[in-house]
Amino acid sequence: MPAAFFGHGSPMNTLEHNRFTEAWSVFGATIPRPRAAVVVSAHWYTNATAVTAMRRPRTIHDFYGFPDELFAFEYPAPGAPEVAQEVVDTLQPRWAGLDHDSWGLDHGTWSVLAHVFPRADVPVVQLSINALEPLEYHVDIGRRLAPLLARDILVLSSGNVVHNLRRIAWDQPAGGFDWARRFDDAARSLMVDAPADVLRLTEHPDYGLAVPTPDHFIPLLHLAGVAQATGATPDVLVEGCSYGSISMACYAIGLEVTSPGEDAAAAALAPADVPPEQANI
């Protein structure tokens, strides 16, 4: 079965090996090789719906305060202008523009793909998140992306169910606040049992803390839309919270994976000496 994925990595995950990156590696090694990947990243949050259409997308280092080796990291996956046009056509009558030169692959994309496809040999296009549209729009975008799976195109959504940098607790690298765990659990229940009801999460009492801004939450809506359109049930690929206020839960469609051990080291989301306002994760 074709595959879809939801998860997110900080820049540091690119260089590290932990139970989250191991799960991404298993995912990439297990799914049939796609002819391309369409990636929705929380970090291309802009005022339009656009698709990268350059043949050689640049590696964007959209962060600061991290080690030099991260700024030296390149993910030289080719682009796929023909797939970009395919995405534009598939989204109709929703409008999407072709971006030939302004964006590329940001760390929301390459920090995950560095483990899913470490050879950078699968063509990649990014789809932006239109910040001007309501949440219902993004679920619908996911539904419209669903036919791509049958064309051997991986749909990868890069975001976090819970993402509150202002509440990060550096002394809890493998822990989550009660409110973060409650919201993460509620999201899991809906994703695996009733993805069509994903927007009920906005009524959850912990929604305001878990989703102070919608950028990292919206990619989950894309996967829920794919699940609705295909009738597939997302599987939990790996789960857990880090630094109190970040969920690292990942979901997959089209793959059954036994998650790495829960006692493995949690993902290091950012260096402990980088304050939240500098940790663009």
Protein backbone atom coordinates (compact mmCIF):
# COMPACT_ATOMS: atom_id res chain seq x y z
CA MET A 1 0.00 0.00 0.00
CA PRO A 2 1.30 3.53 -0.71
CA ALA A 3 2.45 5.43 2.37
CA ALA A 4 1.86 8.67 4.23
CA PHE A 5 3.65 9.93 7.33
CA PHE A 6 3.35 12.52 10.09
CA GLY A 7 6.24 13.47 12.35
CA HIS A 8 8.80 16.19 12.92
CA GLY A 9 12.45 16.62 13.70
CA SER A 10 14.47 19.47 15.14
CA PRO A 11 17.78 20.32 13.45
CA MET A 12 19.64 18.25 16.06
CA ASN A 13 17.70 15.11 15.12
CA THR A 14 19.52 15.23 11.80
CA LEU A 15 22.79 14.24 13.46
CA GLU A 16 21.48 12.06 16.27
CA HIS A 17 20.29 8.49 16.63
CA ASN A 18 17.47 7.86 19.08
CA ARG A 19 14.20 5.95 19.14
CA PHE A 20 12.50 8.60 17.01
CA THR A 21 15.11 8.73 14.28
CA GLU A 22 15.34 4.94 14.37
CA ALA A 23 11.60 4.73 13.71
CA TRP A 24 11.96 7.10 10.74
CA SER A 25 14.79 4.94 9.39
CA VAL A 26 12.66 1.81 9.71
CA PHE A 27 9.83 3.56 7.91
CA GLY A 28 12.05 4.56 5.00
CA ALA A 29 13.61 1.11 4.74
CA THR A 30 10.26 -0.70 4.85
CA ILE A 31 7.99 1.23 2.49
CA PRO A 32 8.17 0.66 -1.26
CA ARG A 33 10.48 3.22 -2.79
CA PRO A 34 8.30 6.14 -3.97
CA ARG A 35 8.92 7.99 -7.20
CA ALA A 36 8.80 11.25 -5.21
CA ALA A 37 7.90 12.72 -1.82
CA VAL A 38 5.56 15.63 -1.23
CA VAL A 39 6.40 17.21 2.11
CA VAL A 40 4.30 19.66 4.10
CA SER A 41 6.61 21.35 6.60
CA ALA A 42 5.57 23.47 9.58
CA HIS A 43 8.41 25.79 8.67
CA TRP A 44 7.02 26.92 5.32
CA TYR A 45 4.13 28.78 6.90
CA THR A 46 3.27 31.59 4.55
CA ASN A 47 0.46 33.59 2.97
CA ALA A 48 -0.24 31.33 0.00
CA THR A 49 -0.47 27.71 -1.07
CA ALA A 50 2.64 26.96 -3.11
CA VAL A 51 4.71 24.01 -4.30
CA THR A 52 8.45 24.04 -4.91
CA ALA A 53 9.09 23.47 -8.61
CA MET A 54 12.86 23.85 -8.99
CA ARG A 55 15.02 20.96 -10.19
CA ARG A 56 17.66 21.51 -7.51
CA PRO A 57 16.04 22.80 -4.30
CA ARG A 58 18.48 24.42 -1.91
CA THR A 59 18.96 23.22 1.66
CA ILE A 60 17.57 25.96 3.91
CA HIS A 61 19.17 26.37 7.34
CA ASP A 62 16.22 28.14 8.95
CA PHE A 63 17.51 28.34 12.54
CA TYR A 64 20.33 29.80 14.60
CA GLY A 65 22.21 28.99 17.78
CA PHE A 66 23.03 25.42 16.72
CA PRO A 67 26.40 23.74 16.05
CA ASP A 68 28.34 24.62 12.91
CA GLU A 69 28.01 21.07 11.58
CA LEU A 70 24.27 21.62 11.19
CA PHE A 71 24.84 24.69 9.07
CA ALA A 72 27.24 22.64 6.96
CA PHE A 73 24.68 19.86 6.47
CA GLU A 74 23.26 19.57 2.95
CA TYR A 75 20.38 17.43 1.76
CA PRO A 76 20.87 17.40 -2.03
CA ALA A 77 17.68 15.61 -3.03
CA PRO A 78 16.56 16.52 -6.54
CA GLY A 79 13.38 18.42 -7.13
CA ALA A 80 10.60 17.26 -9.42
CA PRO A 81 8.90 20.03 -11.41
CA GLU A 82 6.60 17.51 -13.05
CA VAL A 83 5.46 16.24 -9.64
CA ALA A 84 4.97 19.83 -8.49
CA GLN A 85 2.61 20.35 -11.42
CA GLU A 86 0.90 17.07 -10.54
CA VAL A 87 0.30 18.39 -7.01
CA VAL A 88 -1.12 21.65 -8.38
CA ASP A 89 -3.47 19.72 -10.65
CA THR A 90 -4.51 17.34 -7.88
CA LEU A 91 -5.42 20.18 -5.52
CA GLN A 92 -7.82 21.81 -7.99
CA PRO A 93 -10.13 23.64 -7.66
CA ARG A 94 -8.02 24.78 -4.72
CA TRP A 95 -5.38 27.11 -6.11
CA ALA A 96 -1.66 26.44 -5.62
CA GLY A 97 1.23 28.27 -7.22
CA LEU A 98 4.52 26.93 -8.53
CA ASP A 99 7.56 28.27 -6.68
CA HIS A 100 10.57 28.20 -8.99
CA ASP A 101 13.12 30.10 -6.91
CA SER A 102 12.07 31.42 -3.49
CA TRP A 103 12.04 28.40 -1.17
CA GLY A 104 13.71 24.97 -1.09
CA LEU A 105 13.94 22.27 1.58
CA ASP A 106 13.76 23.60 5.14
CA HIS A 107 14.80 21.70 8.25
CA GLY A 108 11.29 20.45 8.89
CA THR A 109 11.80 18.45 5.72
CA TRP A 110 15.45 17.44 5.71
CA SER A 111 15.82 16.65 9.42
CA VAL A 112 13.31 13.82 8.89
CA LEU A 113 14.31 12.80 5.36
CA ALA A 114 17.95 12.53 6.43
CA HIS A 115 16.84 9.34 8.21
CA VAL A 116 13.96 8.23 5.98
CA PHE A 117 15.99 8.52 2.75
CA PRO A 118 19.60 9.09 3.90
CA ARG A 119 20.98 8.93 0.34
CA ALA A 120 18.83 11.91 -0.68
CA ASP A 121 17.96 10.00 -3.84
CA VAL A 122 14.17 10.39 -3.78
CA PRO A 123 12.91 13.58 -5.51
CA VAL A 124 11.27 16.00 -3.07
CA VAL A 125 8.82 18.85 -3.43
CA GLN A 126 7.54 20.94 -0.56
CA LEU A 127 3.98 22.16 -0.16
CA SER A 128 3.52 25.30 1.89
CA ILE A 129 1.04 25.84 4.71
CA ASN A 130 -1.29 28.71 3.85
CA ALA A 131 -1.54 30.71 7.07
CA LEU A 132 -4.53 32.68 5.79
CA GLU A 133 -6.84 29.68 5.60
CA PRO A 134 -8.93 28.06 8.39
CA LEU A 135 -8.17 24.62 9.77
CA GLU A 136 -10.93 23.02 7.70
CA TYR A 137 -9.06 24.07 4.56
CA HIS A 138 -6.00 22.06 5.58
CA VAL A 139 -8.00 18.90 6.23
CA ASP A 140 -9.42 19.33 2.74
CA ILE A 141 -5.92 19.76 1.30
CA GLY A 142 -5.03 16.41 2.86
CA ARG A 143 -8.06 14.79 1.26
CA ARG A 144 -7.05 16.21 -2.11
CA LEU A 145 -3.48 14.92 -1.72
CA ALA A 146 -4.70 11.36 -1.12
CA PRO A 147 -4.78 10.32 -4.83
CA LEU A 148 -1.02 10.89 -4.97
CA LEU A 149 -0.46 7.78 -2.85
CA ALA A 150 -1.86 5.59 -5.61
CA ARG A 151 0.67 7.19 -7.97
CA ASP A 152 3.62 6.05 -5.84
CA ILE A 153 4.13 9.47 -4.24
CA LEU A 154 4.83 9.61 -0.51
CA VAL A 155 2.94 12.31 1.40
CA LEU A 156 4.97 13.38 4.44
CA SER A 157 3.63 15.90 6.95
CA SER A 158 6.24 17.41 9.24
CA GLY A 159 4.87 18.86 12.46
CA ASN A 160 4.19 18.23 16.17
CA VAL A 161 0.87 17.45 17.85
CA VAL A 162 2.09 19.46 20.85
CA HIS A 163 4.55 22.30 20.23
CA ASN A 164 4.91 25.04 22.84
CA LEU A 165 8.44 26.42 22.90
CA ARG A 166 7.59 28.96 25.61
CA ARG A 167 6.87 26.13 28.06
CA ILE A 168 9.97 24.02 27.34
CA ALA A 169 11.48 22.39 30.44
CA TRP A 170 15.14 21.69 29.72
CA ASP A 171 15.31 19.45 32.79
CA GLN A 172 12.75 17.02 31.30
CA PRO A 173 14.41 15.75 28.09
CA ALA A 174 12.29 12.58 28.13
CA GLY A 175 9.18 13.90 29.86
CA GLY A 176 5.95 15.70 29.14
CA PHE A 177 3.73 17.94 31.21
CA ASP A 178 0.37 16.47 32.17
CA TRP A 179 -1.47 18.80 29.78
CA ALA A 180 0.87 17.84 26.92
CA ARG A 181 0.32 14.14 27.52
CA ARG A 182 -3.44 14.58 27.79
CA PHE A 183 -3.64 16.38 24.48
CA ASP A 184 -1.25 13.94 22.82
CA ASP A 185 -3.39 11.03 24.06
CA ALA A 186 -6.56 12.69 22.76
CA ALA A 187 -4.93 13.20 19.36
CA ARG A 188 -3.86 9.56 19.24
CA SER A 189 -7.37 8.35 20.03
CA LEU A 190 -8.87 10.41 17.22
CA MET A 191 -6.17 9.62 14.68
CA VAL A 192 -6.39 5.85 15.10
CA ASP A 193 -10.17 5.62 15.67
CA ALA A 194 -11.83 8.62 14.02
CA PRO A 195 -9.48 10.78 11.89
CA ALA A 196 -12.53 12.42 10.30
CA ASP A 197 -13.14 14.03 13.71
CA VAL A 198 -9.63 15.46 14.10
CA LEU A 199 -10.92 19.03 14.40
CA ARG A 200 -12.60 18.06 17.66
CA LEU A 201 -9.14 18.57 19.13
CA THR A 202 -9.76 22.33 18.97
CA GLU A 203 -12.40 21.81 21.68
CA HIS A 204 -10.00 20.02 24.01
CA PRO A 205 -9.36 21.96 27.24
CA ASP A 206 -5.58 21.75 26.70
CA TYR A 207 -5.67 22.93 23.07
CA GLY A 208 -4.52 26.46 23.90
CA LEU A 209 -1.39 25.22 25.68
CA ALA A 210 -0.65 22.43 23.22
CA VAL A 211 -1.23 24.53 20.10
CA PRO A 212 -0.32 28.15 20.89
CA THR A 213 0.33 28.64 17.16
CA PRO A 214 -1.13 26.43 14.41
CA ASP A 215 1.96 25.96 12.24
CA HIS A 216 3.16 22.65 13.75
CA PHE A 217 -0.38 21.33 14.31
CA ILE A 218 -1.67 21.78 10.77
CA PRO A 219 0.46 18.99 9.23
CA LEU A 220 -1.47 16.53 11.42
CA LEU A 221 -4.63 17.72 9.67
CA HIS A 222 -3.14 16.84 6.30
CA LEU A 223 -2.55 13.25 7.40
CA ALA A 224 -6.06 13.09 8.87
CA GLY A 225 -7.40 14.25 5.52
CA VAL A 226 -5.43 11.56 3.70
CA ALA A 227 -6.81 8.96 6.11
CA GLN A 228 -10.37 10.17 5.54
CA ALA A 229 -10.04 10.05 1.77
CA THR A 230 -8.40 6.62 1.63
CA GLY A 231 -10.30 4.97 4.45
CA ALA A 232 -6.95 3.99 5.95
CA THR A 233 -6.27 3.83 9.67
CA PRO A 234 -3.08 5.60 10.73
CA ASP A 235 -0.73 3.51 12.84
CA VAL A 236 1.33 4.94 15.70
CA LEU A 237 4.90 4.70 14.47
CA VAL A 238 6.50 6.06 17.64
CA GLU A 239 5.32 8.32 20.44
CA GLY A 240 6.53 10.25 23.44
CA CYS A 241 7.04 13.76 24.76
CA SER A 242 10.27 15.66 25.21
CA TYR A 243 11.22 18.72 27.21
CA GLY A 244 7.78 18.93 28.75
CA SER A 245 5.96 20.70 25.96
CA ILE A 246 6.88 18.88 22.72
CA SER A 247 5.19 15.76 21.38
CA MET A 248 7.31 13.59 19.10
CA ALA A 249 4.40 11.33 18.10
CA CYS A 250 4.60 9.98 14.57
CA TYR A 251 1.86 8.30 12.54
CA ALA A 252 2.06 6.25 9.38
CA ILE A 253 -0.40 5.04 6.77
CA GLY A 254 0.42 1.95 4.78
CA LEU A 255 2.91 0.45 7.20
CA GLU A 256 2.82 -1.52 10.43
CA VAL A 257 5.90 -1.00 12.54
CA THR A 258 6.84 -2.10 16.04
CA SER A 259 8.15 0.99 17.73
CA PRO A 260 11.66 0.97 19.23
CA GLY A 261 11.74 0.39 22.98
CA GLU A 262 10.14 2.98 25.17
CA ASP A 263 13.18 2.99 27.43
CA ALA A 264 15.46 4.21 24.64
CA ALA A 265 16.84 7.69 24.90
CA ALA A 266 14.36 10.43 23.99
CA ALA A 267 15.11 12.75 21.12
CA ALA A 268 17.32 15.71 21.89
CA LEU A 269 15.31 18.52 20.39
CA ALA A 270 17.79 21.32 20.88
CA PRO A 271 21.00 22.05 22.76
CA ALA A 272 20.23 22.72 26.41
CA ASP A 273 21.97 26.12 26.25
CA VAL A 274 19.75 27.44 23.47
CA PRO A 275 16.76 29.42 24.79
CA PRO A 276 13.33 28.68 23.28
CA GLU A 277 13.22 31.92 21.30
CA GLN A 278 16.36 30.77 19.45
CA ALA A 279 15.41 27.12 19.06
CA ASN A 280 13.46 27.15 15.81
CA ILE A 281 12.23 23.58 16.15
